[in-house]
Protein backbone atom coordinates (compact mmCIF):
# COMPACT_ATOMS: atom_id res chain seq x y z
CA MET A 1 138.20 60.79 67.99
CA LYS A 2 137.86 63.96 70.49
CA GLY A 3 138.09 64.14 74.17
CA GLY A 4 138.41 67.14 77.06
CA ILE A 5 137.11 69.27 75.30
CA ILE A 6 136.47 66.59 72.42
CA GLU A 7 134.51 69.35 71.20
CA LEU A 8 132.70 67.58 68.56
CA ARG A 9 130.54 70.68 67.79
CA ALA A 10 133.28 72.60 66.69
CA PHE A 11 135.36 69.28 64.71
CA VAL A 12 131.93 69.12 62.90
CA ILE A 13 132.15 72.34 62.15
CA THR A 14 135.38 72.53 61.12
CA GLY A 15 134.86 69.83 58.34
CA LEU A 16 131.59 71.29 57.13
CA VAL A 17 133.07 74.76 56.64
CA HIS A 18 136.12 73.73 54.65
CA TRP A 19 133.73 71.60 52.87
CA PHE A 20 131.37 74.35 51.67
CA GLU A 21 134.26 76.33 51.16
CA GLU A 22 136.28 74.14 48.54
CA GLN A 23 132.67 72.72 46.66
CA LEU A 24 131.47 76.17 46.35
CA ARG A 25 134.93 78.32 46.04
CA GLY A 26 133.97 82.04 45.15
CA SER A 27 130.13 81.91 45.78
CA PRO A 28 128.21 83.93 48.18
CA LEU A 29 125.88 80.63 48.45
CA SER A 30 128.99 79.37 50.82
CA LYS A 31 128.82 80.67 53.27
CA VAL A 32 125.20 81.15 53.48
CA LEU A 33 124.99 76.87 53.39
CA ALA A 34 127.65 76.42 55.51
CA GLY A 35 125.58 78.88 58.05
CA ILE A 36 122.42 76.59 57.80
CA ALA A 37 124.58 73.33 58.26
CA ILE A 38 126.48 74.70 61.44
CA GLY A 39 122.79 75.66 63.03
CA PHE A 40 121.80 72.04 62.48
CA VAL A 41 124.84 70.82 64.26
CA GLU A 42 124.61 73.39 67.10
CA VAL A 43 120.85 72.78 67.87
CA PHE A 44 120.85 68.52 67.47
CA VAL A 45 124.61 67.62 68.34
CA ARG A 46 123.48 66.69 71.69
CA MET A 47 127.20 67.01 73.86
CA ILE A 48 127.09 65.63 77.75
CA ASP A 49 129.27 65.61 79.98
CA MET A 50 131.13 61.85 81.79
CA LEU A 51 132.31 60.92 85.37
CA VAL A 52 135.20 58.56 85.16
CA ARG A 53 136.39 56.76 88.90
CA LEU A 54 139.86 57.67 88.52
CA TYR A 55 140.70 55.57 91.39
CA ASP A 56 139.22 52.27 89.92
CA LEU A 57 140.97 52.80 85.91
CA PRO A 58 141.31 49.52 83.90
CA GLU A 59 144.83 47.68 83.88
CA SER A 60 147.23 49.50 81.47
CA ALA A 61 150.38 47.92 81.33
CA GLU A 62 149.12 45.62 78.74
CA MET A 63 148.00 48.64 76.70
CA TYR A 64 151.06 50.39 76.49
CA GLN A 65 152.72 47.16 75.44
CA LYS A 66 150.54 46.82 72.38
CA VAL A 67 151.19 50.48 71.10
CA GLU A 68 155.33 50.19 72.31
CA ASP A 69 155.64 46.81 70.05
CA ALA A 70 153.86 48.60 67.22
CA GLY A 71 157.05 51.17 67.51
CA ILE A 72 154.83 53.65 68.75
CA ILE A 73 155.93 56.29 71.43
CA LEU A 74 153.75 57.81 74.31
CA ARG A 75 155.20 60.93 76.43
CA ARG A 76 154.78 64.48 77.28
CA PRO A 77 156.25 66.63 74.77
CA GLY A 78 158.92 69.01 75.61
CA ALA A 79 158.57 73.05 75.98
CA TYR A 80 160.66 73.37 73.12
CA GLU A 81 158.01 71.15 70.77
CA LYS A 82 155.24 73.21 71.82
CA HIS A 83 155.27 74.90 68.23
CA LEU A 84 155.12 71.78 66.37
CA VAL A 85 151.98 69.92 68.75
CA GLU A 86 150.12 73.37 68.41
CA ASP A 87 150.89 72.79 64.18
CA PHE A 88 149.58 69.27 64.61
CA VAL A 89 146.66 70.50 66.03
CA ARG A 90 145.86 72.61 63.98
CA GLU A 91 146.14 70.91 60.81
CA HIS A 92 144.00 68.15 61.94
CA PHE A 93 141.35 69.62 64.35
CA SER A 94 139.78 72.66 65.83
CA PRO A 95 141.87 76.22 66.35
CA LYS A 96 139.78 75.91 69.45
CA TRP A 97 141.78 72.99 71.12
CA VAL A 98 145.11 74.73 69.86
CA SER A 99 144.20 77.67 72.76
CA GLU A 100 143.68 74.43 74.93
CA VAL A 101 146.99 72.71 73.91
CA GLN A 102 148.17 76.24 74.80
CA VAL A 103 147.08 76.16 78.63
CA ALA A 104 148.34 72.44 78.92
CA PHE A 105 151.94 73.61 78.10
CA SER A 106 151.65 76.66 80.43
CA ARG A 107 151.36 73.46 83.20
CA GLN A 108 154.47 71.96 84.72
CA PRO A 109 154.43 69.39 84.04
CA ILE A 110 153.04 70.01 80.99
CA THR A 111 149.22 68.04 81.31
CA CYS A 112 149.80 66.80 77.50
CA PHE A 113 150.36 63.68 76.09
CA ILE A 114 151.45 62.86 72.19
CA ALA A 115 151.90 59.61 70.63
CA THR A 116 155.07 59.14 67.95
CA ARG A 117 156.40 56.82 65.54
CA ASN A 118 159.28 57.77 63.38
CA LYS A 119 159.59 61.60 65.00
CA GLU A 120 156.24 62.25 63.82
CA ILE A 121 152.85 62.78 65.60
CA LEU A 122 150.19 61.16 65.14
CA GLY A 123 147.99 61.93 68.27
CA PHE A 124 147.55 63.86 71.42
CA ALA A 125 145.85 64.13 74.38
CA CYS A 126 145.56 67.06 77.09
CA TYR A 127 143.87 67.51 80.73
CA GLU A 128 143.47 70.13 83.09
CA THR A 129 143.10 72.71 80.10
CA THR A 130 139.65 73.60 79.70
CA ASN A 131 138.83 72.98 83.45
CA LYS A 132 139.93 71.65 86.63
CA ALA A 133 140.04 67.20 86.41
CA TYR A 134 138.61 67.84 83.04
CA PHE A 135 140.29 65.31 80.26
CA GLY A 136 140.90 66.55 76.96
CA PRO A 137 141.33 67.67 73.97
CA THR A 138 142.07 64.64 72.28
CA GLY A 139 142.80 63.49 68.50
CA VAL A 140 144.49 60.78 66.73
CA SER A 141 145.58 61.61 63.18
CA GLU A 142 143.12 59.90 60.34
CA ALA A 143 145.93 58.11 59.03
CA ALA A 144 146.62 56.37 62.83
CA ARG A 145 143.12 55.11 63.46
CA GLY A 146 142.73 52.14 64.85
CA THR A 147 145.72 51.55 66.00
CA GLY A 148 145.01 52.05 69.65
CA ILE A 149 146.41 55.28 70.10
CA GLY A 150 143.28 56.93 71.02
CA LYS A 151 142.37 54.39 73.77
CA ALA A 152 146.22 54.38 75.47
CA LEU A 153 146.36 58.08 75.21
CA LEU A 154 143.40 58.19 77.09
CA MET A 155 144.68 56.11 79.73
CA LYS A 156 147.59 58.32 80.26
CA ALA A 157 145.72 61.47 80.38
CA LEU A 158 143.66 60.06 82.88
CA GLU A 159 146.47 58.48 84.81
CA GLY A 160 148.21 62.27 84.85
CA LEU A 161 144.41 63.36 86.55
CA HIS A 162 144.98 60.81 89.18
CA ASP A 163 148.67 61.61 89.93
CA LEU A 164 147.32 65.14 90.67
CA GLY A 165 144.97 64.01 93.37
CA TYR A 166 141.90 63.86 91.79
CA ALA A 167 139.45 61.07 92.61
CA TYR A 168 136.89 61.57 89.95
CA GLY A 169 137.57 62.94 86.40
CA PHE A 170 134.97 64.86 83.59
CA ILE A 171 135.39 63.87 80.08
CA GLY A 172 133.87 67.46 78.31
CA GLY A 173 131.28 67.69 75.82
CA VAL A 174 131.58 64.07 74.63
CA GLY A 175 130.66 62.97 70.72
CA PRO A 176 131.29 58.94 71.36
CA LYS A 177 129.92 58.40 74.63
CA GLU A 178 129.80 54.30 74.30
CA PHE A 179 133.77 54.39 73.70
CA TYR A 180 134.34 56.11 77.22
CA ALA A 181 131.97 53.78 78.70
CA LYS A 182 133.55 50.75 77.43
CA ALA A 183 137.44 51.68 77.79
CA VAL A 184 136.96 53.35 81.45
CA GLY A 185 133.74 53.05 82.44
CA ALA A 186 132.45 56.27 82.07
CA VAL A 187 128.78 57.08 83.08
CA GLU A 188 127.18 60.13 81.53
CA ILE A 189 126.26 63.19 83.90
CA PRO A 190 122.54 64.24 83.52
CA GLY A 191 121.57 67.55 82.78
CA SER A 192 125.31 68.02 81.42
CA ASP A 193 124.71 69.32 78.05
CA PRO A 194 125.58 72.34 77.53
CA SER A 195 127.72 72.23 80.59
CA ILE A 196 130.70 74.32 80.71
CA TYR A 197 130.54 75.19 76.78
CA VAL A 198 127.94 78.40 76.34
CA ASP A 199 128.30 81.28 75.22
CA ILE A 200 131.39 80.24 72.79
CA LEU A 201 132.69 82.82 70.37
CA PRO A 202 132.46 81.43 66.53
CA GLU A 203 135.01 80.70 64.23
CA PRO A 204 135.28 82.98 61.42
CA LEU A 205 133.91 80.98 58.05
CA PHE A 206 136.40 82.31 55.97
């Protein structure tokens, strides 16, 4: 799942690049095919923004208790853990998300939550990084998906936005819009693609 910037384009592109590199390692054809696939994603993957009523968020206590019962801790990371959170995001997600995590750590309090179990990071969610009142980025490691962590992190971050005094929050560049609509009543913002995500510098292919 990804959120804040939940930049599905970046996530899909990173995956495509890695796949082509592995399948066609050493062949000049790999870069050509990766470029074609990336162009397809940029044109056809539609990414809209969504609006959330922060003053009317669903009750979260039961959700947090369920996560806690599974041995999972939801908390803000300490400044001394910045490099560890960055490493997790770099390994599992987009390099651009690492940049946004760094912005979250420049705030005080830190505008990021992590989910941990047995001293291991399972997921993260940032807010107030991409833009004012924006949620994201967010992600859960593949092995920990389906545990409810993603929704719990979403709620923690949105509550963090509300604590900053915002009445409404933005979820930018949404991929799974049905998830956000069901989880927090988010609604699509008409005409919001590509929103603020224009002229984004590409990551090096290799």
